[in-house]
Amino acid sequence: VRNEPVLGMIGERLPATIFLALGAFVLFLGFGVSLGVYSALRRGKFQDKTVMGISLVGYSLPSFFIGLILIFFVVLKWKLLPFPSYVQPWEDPVKFLQTMILPWLTLALVYAAFYIRLTRNQMLETLSEDYIRTARAKGLPESTVIGKHGLRAGLTPIVTAAGLDLAGLLG
């Protein structure tokens, strides 16, 4: 319709896509893994059920709905941010962050729900292993047992899924 080369159109929009994907990636991986570990350590308690309930809602709602809800409340109703219009980060870094925070949060909420569940399941599986019991019996601090032994062993499927999700976001 435009009689333009497709590669040129993709090249124009590539920086915005990269910024969107990387920002969302950092947020959803950080929140997803952190809340997944938190939930696993409090298995069966109120905190675990709350985190898992929130992740179920985040996993169930489509991203366009979450985005519209965020725009309605954050931009229109509460007027915490101006209405988003993309600005390059080197032109105005503050406006860039104001523009990107809602899309980052929208994608992060959708993807973090999956990583919360994945991390929780991996941690529960790993924490029941014999070498974790041995590390605790040796008197290692709980943070070392969780971080160095438990999380490190459970990260393989999380890293694999994260690479695939980042590639999907960039695509």
C-alpha atoms as a PDB file:
ATOM      1  CA  VAL A   1       0.000   0.000   0.000  1.00  0.00           C
ATOM      2  CA  ARG A   2       2.802   2.434   0.862  1.00  0.00           C
ATOM      3  CA  ASN A   3       5.204   1.293  -1.863  1.00  0.00           C
ATOM      4  CA  GLU A   4       8.037   1.283   0.688  1.00  0.00           C
ATOM      5  CA  PRO A   5      10.544  -1.492   1.383  1.00  0.00           C
ATOM      6  CA  VAL A   6       9.477  -3.548   4.384  1.00  0.00           C
ATOM      7  CA  LEU A   7      13.027  -3.680   5.726  1.00  0.00           C
ATOM      8  CA  GLY A   8      13.086   0.113   6.035  1.00  0.00           C
ATOM      9  CA  MET A   9       9.813   0.143   7.956  1.00  0.00           C
ATOM     10  CA  ILE A  10      11.081  -2.554  10.311  1.00  0.00           C
ATOM     11  CA  GLY A  11      14.344  -0.640  10.802  1.00  0.00           C
ATOM     12  CA  GLU A  12      12.448   2.512  11.805  1.00  0.00           C
ATOM     13  CA  ARG A  13      10.538   0.723  14.514  1.00  0.00           C
ATOM     14  CA  LEU A  14      13.267  -1.621  15.722  1.00  0.00           C
ATOM     15  CA  PRO A  15      14.654   0.658  18.479  1.00  0.00           C
ATOM     16  CA  ALA A  16      11.213   1.056  20.076  1.00  0.00           C
ATOM     17  CA  THR A  17      10.672  -2.699  19.891  1.00  0.00           C
ATOM     18  CA  ILE A  18      14.045  -3.411  21.502  1.00  0.00           C
ATOM     19  CA  PHE A  19      13.436  -0.906  24.328  1.00  0.00           C
ATOM     20  CA  LEU A  20       9.964  -2.315  24.928  1.00  0.00           C
ATOM     21  CA  ALA A  21      11.131  -5.935  24.943  1.00  0.00           C
ATOM     22  CA  LEU A  22      14.206  -5.388  27.137  1.00  0.00           C
ATOM     23  CA  GLY A  23      12.382  -3.239  29.702  1.00  0.00           C
ATOM     24  CA  ALA A  24       9.542  -5.724  30.013  1.00  0.00           C
ATOM     25  CA  PHE A  25      12.043  -8.603  30.134  1.00  0.00           C
ATOM     26  CA  VAL A  26      13.913  -7.113  33.082  1.00  0.00           C
ATOM     27  CA  LEU A  27      10.684  -6.417  34.963  1.00  0.00           C
ATOM     28  CA  PHE A  28       8.937  -9.720  34.394  1.00  0.00           C
ATOM     29  CA  LEU A  29      12.014 -11.797  35.095  1.00  0.00           C
ATOM     30  CA  GLY A  30      12.849  -9.860  38.255  1.00  0.00           C
ATOM     31  CA  PHE A  31       9.321  -9.906  39.645  1.00  0.00           C
ATOM     32  CA  GLY A  32       8.531 -13.414  38.437  1.00  0.00           C
ATOM     33  CA  VAL A  33      11.573 -15.116  39.905  1.00  0.00           C
ATOM     34  CA  SER A  34      11.486 -13.099  43.147  1.00  0.00           C
ATOM     35  CA  LEU A  35       7.810 -13.728  43.807  1.00  0.00           C
ATOM     36  CA  GLY A  36       8.156 -17.369  42.772  1.00  0.00           C
ATOM     37  CA  VAL A  37      10.915 -17.951  45.329  1.00  0.00           C
ATOM     38  CA  TYR A  38       8.932 -16.018  47.949  1.00  0.00           C
ATOM     39  CA  SER A  39       5.861 -18.117  47.261  1.00  0.00           C
ATOM     40  CA  ALA A  40       7.796 -21.391  47.371  1.00  0.00           C
ATOM     41  CA  LEU A  41       9.353 -20.525  50.725  1.00  0.00           C
ATOM     42  CA  ARG A  42       5.885 -19.872  52.160  1.00  0.00           C
ATOM     43  CA  ARG A  43       4.198 -22.908  50.630  1.00  0.00           C
ATOM     44  CA  GLY A  44       0.585 -23.359  51.727  1.00  0.00           C
ATOM     45  CA  LYS A  45       0.498 -20.136  53.738  1.00  0.00           C
ATOM     46  CA  PHE A  46      -1.552 -17.018  53.128  1.00  0.00           C
ATOM     47  CA  GLN A  47       1.283 -15.293  51.250  1.00  0.00           C
ATOM     48  CA  ASP A  48       1.669 -18.228  48.865  1.00  0.00           C
ATOM     49  CA  LYS A  49      -2.039 -18.328  48.116  1.00  0.00           C
ATOM     50  CA  THR A  50      -2.154 -14.567  47.570  1.00  0.00           C
ATOM     51  CA  VAL A  51       0.798 -14.537  45.165  1.00  0.00           C
ATOM     52  CA  MET A  52      -0.552 -17.550  43.276  1.00  0.00           C
ATOM     53  CA  GLY A  53      -4.015 -15.962  43.064  1.00  0.00           C
ATOM     54  CA  ILE A  54      -2.586 -12.736  41.662  1.00  0.00           C
ATOM     55  CA  SER A  55      -0.479 -14.687  39.169  1.00  0.00           C
ATOM     56  CA  LEU A  56      -3.565 -16.622  38.068  1.00  0.00           C
ATOM     57  CA  VAL A  57      -5.401 -13.357  37.395  1.00  0.00           C
ATOM     58  CA  GLY A  58      -2.374 -11.953  35.539  1.00  0.00           C
ATOM     59  CA  TYR A  59      -2.077 -15.127  33.489  1.00  0.00           C
ATOM     60  CA  SER A  60      -5.780 -15.164  32.643  1.00  0.00           C
ATOM     61  CA  LEU A  61      -6.266 -11.567  31.525  1.00  0.00           C
ATOM     62  CA  PRO A  62      -5.205 -10.629  27.996  1.00  0.00           C
ATOM     63  CA  SER A  63      -2.458  -8.027  27.679  1.00  0.00           C
ATOM     64  CA  PHE A  64      -4.617  -5.541  25.767  1.00  0.00           C
ATOM     65  CA  PHE A  65      -7.138  -5.546  28.627  1.00  0.00           C
ATOM     66  CA  ILE A  66      -4.448  -4.976  31.257  1.00  0.00           C
ATOM     67  CA  GLY A  67      -3.031  -2.151  29.129  1.00  0.00           C
ATOM     68  CA  LEU A  68      -6.415  -0.469  28.772  1.00  0.00           C
ATOM     69  CA  ILE A  69      -7.061  -0.753  32.518  1.00  0.00           C
ATOM     70  CA  LEU A  70      -3.657   0.792  33.281  1.00  0.00           C
ATOM     71  CA  ILE A  71      -4.242   3.646  30.828  1.00  0.00           C
ATOM     72  CA  PHE A  72      -7.721   4.290  32.211  1.00  0.00           C
ATOM     73  CA  PHE A  73      -6.659   4.459  35.840  1.00  0.00           C
ATOM     74  CA  VAL A  74      -3.058   5.718  35.737  1.00  0.00           C
ATOM     75  CA  VAL A  75      -3.389   8.210  32.871  1.00  0.00           C
ATOM     76  CA  LEU A  76      -7.026   9.256  32.625  1.00  0.00           C
ATOM     77  CA  LYS A  77      -8.469   8.892  36.122  1.00  0.00           C
ATOM     78  CA  TRP A  78      -5.536   9.479  38.490  1.00  0.00           C
ATOM     79  CA  LYS A  79      -3.457  11.605  36.039  1.00  0.00           C
ATOM     80  CA  LEU A  80      -0.174  10.151  37.349  1.00  0.00           C
ATOM     81  CA  LEU A  81       1.373  10.055  33.866  1.00  0.00           C
ATOM     82  CA  PRO A  82       0.767  11.985  30.648  1.00  0.00           C
ATOM     83  CA  PHE A  83      -0.908  10.179  27.771  1.00  0.00           C
ATOM     84  CA  PRO A  84       1.814   8.043  26.151  1.00  0.00           C
ATOM     85  CA  SER A  85       3.445   9.110  22.913  1.00  0.00           C
ATOM     86  CA  TYR A  86       6.784   7.536  22.049  1.00  0.00           C
ATOM     87  CA  VAL A  87       9.930   9.657  22.412  1.00  0.00           C
ATOM     88  CA  GLN A  88      13.468   8.436  21.767  1.00  0.00           C
ATOM     89  CA  PRO A  89      15.456   8.042  25.013  1.00  0.00           C
ATOM     90  CA  TRP A  90      18.280  10.311  23.832  1.00  0.00           C
ATOM     91  CA  GLU A  91      15.823  13.130  23.033  1.00  0.00           C
ATOM     92  CA  ASP A  92      14.062  13.263  26.432  1.00  0.00           C
ATOM     93  CA  PRO A  93      14.876  10.470  28.921  1.00  0.00           C
ATOM     94  CA  VAL A  94      12.125  11.464  31.387  1.00  0.00           C
ATOM     95  CA  LYS A  95       9.426  11.522  28.697  1.00  0.00           C
ATOM     96  CA  PHE A  96      10.776   8.211  27.376  1.00  0.00           C
ATOM     97  CA  LEU A  97      10.388   6.572  30.804  1.00  0.00           C
ATOM     98  CA  GLN A  98       6.913   8.087  31.215  1.00  0.00           C
ATOM     99  CA  THR A  99       5.959   6.675  27.836  1.00  0.00           C
ATOM    100  CA  MET A 100       7.413   3.209  28.362  1.00  0.00           C
ATOM    101  CA  ILE A 101       6.465   2.444  31.969  1.00  0.00           C
ATOM    102  CA  LEU A 102       2.875   1.398  31.215  1.00  0.00           C
ATOM    103  CA  PRO A 103       3.749  -0.892  28.279  1.00  0.00           C
ATOM    104  CA  TRP A 104       6.561  -2.404  30.351  1.00  0.00           C
ATOM    105  CA  LEU A 105       4.195  -3.017  33.257  1.00  0.00           C
ATOM    106  CA  THR A 106       1.524  -4.460  30.975  1.00  0.00           C
ATOM    107  CA  LEU A 107       3.868  -7.016  29.452  1.00  0.00           C
ATOM    108  CA  ALA A 108       5.561  -7.659  32.790  1.00  0.00           C
ATOM    109  CA  LEU A 109       2.257  -8.497  34.484  1.00  0.00           C
ATOM    110  CA  VAL A 110       1.320 -10.976  31.780  1.00  0.00           C
ATOM    111  CA  TYR A 111       4.704 -12.699  31.582  1.00  0.00           C
ATOM    112  CA  ALA A 112       5.573 -12.511  35.297  1.00  0.00           C
ATOM    113  CA  ALA A 113       2.555 -14.649  36.124  1.00  0.00           C
ATOM    114  CA  PHE A 114       4.083 -17.527  34.171  1.00  0.00           C
ATOM    115  CA  TYR A 115       7.516 -17.058  35.786  1.00  0.00           C
ATOM    116  CA  ILE A 116       6.030 -16.934  39.281  1.00  0.00           C
ATOM    117  CA  ARG A 117       4.399 -20.302  38.736  1.00  0.00           C
ATOM    118  CA  LEU A 118       7.433 -21.807  36.991  1.00  0.00           C
ATOM    119  CA  THR A 119       9.888 -20.589  39.637  1.00  0.00           C
ATOM    120  CA  ARG A 120       7.668 -21.724  42.490  1.00  0.00           C
ATOM    121  CA  ASN A 121       7.337 -25.211  41.047  1.00  0.00           C
ATOM    122  CA  GLN A 122      11.075 -25.483  40.326  1.00  0.00           C
ATOM    123  CA  MET A 123      11.984 -24.273  43.810  1.00  0.00           C
ATOM    124  CA  LEU A 124       9.560 -26.671  45.499  1.00  0.00           C
ATOM    125  CA  GLU A 125      11.008 -29.542  43.500  1.00  0.00           C
ATOM    126  CA  THR A 126      14.609 -28.511  44.162  1.00  0.00           C
ATOM    127  CA  LEU A 127      14.119 -27.805  47.886  1.00  0.00           C
ATOM    128  CA  SER A 128      12.971 -31.371  48.441  1.00  0.00           C
ATOM    129  CA  GLU A 129      16.241 -32.835  47.098  1.00  0.00           C
ATOM    130  CA  ASP A 130      18.729 -34.656  49.302  1.00  0.00           C
ATOM    131  CA  TYR A 131      21.586 -32.207  48.736  1.00  0.00           C
ATOM    132  CA  ILE A 132      19.418 -29.365  50.098  1.00  0.00           C
ATOM    133  CA  ARG A 133      18.782 -31.359  53.288  1.00  0.00           C
ATOM    134  CA  THR A 134      22.516 -32.036  53.489  1.00  0.00           C
ATOM    135  CA  ALA A 135      23.350 -28.336  53.090  1.00  0.00           C
ATOM    136  CA  ARG A 136      20.913 -27.453  55.871  1.00  0.00           C
ATOM    137  CA  ALA A 137      22.317 -30.238  58.077  1.00  0.00           C
ATOM    138  CA  LYS A 138      25.833 -28.836  57.575  1.00  0.00           C
ATOM    139  CA  GLY A 139      24.593 -25.596  59.110  1.00  0.00           C
ATOM    140  CA  LEU A 140      24.728 -23.374  56.049  1.00  0.00           C
ATOM    141  CA  PRO A 141      22.709 -20.158  56.324  1.00  0.00           C
ATOM    142  CA  GLU A 142      19.231 -20.427  54.824  1.00  0.00           C
ATOM    143  CA  SER A 143      20.005 -17.677  52.304  1.00  0.00           C
ATOM    144  CA  THR A 144      22.951 -19.709  51.005  1.00  0.00           C
ATOM    145  CA  VAL A 145      20.867 -22.865  50.809  1.00  0.00           C
ATOM    146  CA  ILE A 146      18.092 -21.062  48.918  1.00  0.00           C
ATOM    147  CA  GLY A 147      20.216 -18.880  46.645  1.00  0.00           C
ATOM    148  CA  LYS A 148      23.331 -20.887  45.945  1.00  0.00           C
ATOM    149  CA  HIS A 149      21.947 -24.414  46.005  1.00  0.00           C
ATOM    150  CA  GLY A 150      18.196 -24.188  45.424  1.00  0.00           C
ATOM    151  CA  LEU A 151      17.735 -21.363  42.945  1.00  0.00           C
ATOM    152  CA  ARG A 152      20.838 -22.165  40.922  1.00  0.00           C
ATOM    153  CA  ALA A 153      19.630 -25.721  40.295  1.00  0.00           C
ATOM    154  CA  GLY A 154      16.118 -24.560  39.444  1.00  0.00           C
ATOM    155  CA  LEU A 155      17.144 -21.840  36.995  1.00  0.00           C
ATOM    156  CA  THR A 156      17.696 -24.025  33.910  1.00  0.00           C
ATOM    157  CA  PRO A 157      14.081 -24.152  32.699  1.00  0.00           C
ATOM    158  CA  ILE A 158      13.554 -20.531  33.730  1.00  0.00           C
ATOM    159  CA  VAL A 159      16.490 -19.318  31.620  1.00  0.00           C
ATOM    160  CA  THR A 160      15.318 -21.439  28.684  1.00  0.00           C
ATOM    161  CA  ALA A 161      11.789 -20.033  28.853  1.00  0.00           C
ATOM    162  CA  ALA A 162      13.125 -16.491  29.315  1.00  0.00           C
ATOM    163  CA  GLY A 163      15.227 -16.734  26.155  1.00  0.00           C
ATOM    164  CA  LEU A 164      12.241 -17.936  24.161  1.00  0.00           C
ATOM    165  CA  ASP A 165       9.995 -15.204  25.569  1.00  0.00           C
ATOM    166  CA  LEU A 166      12.558 -12.482  24.824  1.00  0.00           C
ATOM    167  CA  ALA A 167      12.863 -13.743  21.250  1.00  0.00           C
ATOM    168  CA  GLY A 168       9.072 -13.747  20.964  1.00  0.00           C
ATOM    169  CA  LEU A 169       8.859 -10.182  22.236  1.00  0.00           C
ATOM    170  CA  LEU A 170      11.520  -9.028  19.792  1.00  0.00           C
ATOM    171  CA  GLY A 171       9.709 -10.815  16.974  1.00  0.00           C
END
